[in-house]
Amino acid sequence: MVNSIIKKIEKFKLLLKSLVYQGNWNYDNMQGTGFYYLLDYINTKHKIGIAKELLRKTTGYFNTNPFLITFILGIWCKEFKNNIDPNYTRKIYGPALSALGDRFFWHTLKPLTFVLSAIIVFYSPLLSLIFYIVFFNIFHFYFLYNGFDIGYYYGRNAIEWFNKIKFTKWNTVGEVVILFSMGIFLSMLLKIEVQNLNMSILLIFAIVFLLTLLIVKKINISLALLLYTTLLLINMVIRVY
């Protein structure tokens, strides 16, 4: 891990502020206002010396994955210190980290967290809820907390850090675990509900789910949650009547 250039308490405050980073998201400049808000805080707190005119330019159009925003803040500050146009680097890393972050956090980590939580719910609903919140946010908070230091240390070469930890391979491993866990979840569901659940209804929903996987080439977290909830409700109705 790289050495921190700001105090731990300040890193924690930056993490908290980054949670409302998208509070002023809009179609005109997307996340530009949020970026200005965080950069202005860093500039004021640590006396970086960013001119108001340059700081104002950061309110322009900008979009990236919100969980990786602190990386770009660190890169920006490092480029500014080296007398290199930091907004040019921001334009490059915004889309790049958006692609990396979206694939991992939205397309891999969220479905993985859901499936694992769905398995745990058979043993303890409360534990399942706790696991869902903690497991996802371990990654979420780790990247937000350490991102500024990593971005500042590597500067425009920050992509080397992602290559070093083999970040893109996390998705491949995660997808395998998702599919394996989904099989465990469905087998547990069938084992418990097979005597009471209408199998024709289960078959219909299973077909719809599989068709969705074939069409969109990914596990749709919203659809999975909808199917799971619907199956439980149908089963409750069957038991009552």
Foldseek 3Di string as FASTA:
>chain_A
DFDDPDDLVVLVVLLVLLVCQQVPADDFAGSQVSLLVSLVVCCVVVVLPDDPVLSVVSSHHAAAPSLQSLLLSLLLSLCVVVVHRSVVLRVVVRVVRRVLVCCPLPFFVLLLLVLVLLVCVVVPVVVSVVSSVVVSVVSSSVNSSCNNSLSNVCHSNSVVVCVVVVSVCVRVVRQVSSVVSNVVSVVVVCVVCVVQFDVVVVVVLVVVQVVVCVPVVGRDSVSVVVSVVVRVVRSVVSVVD
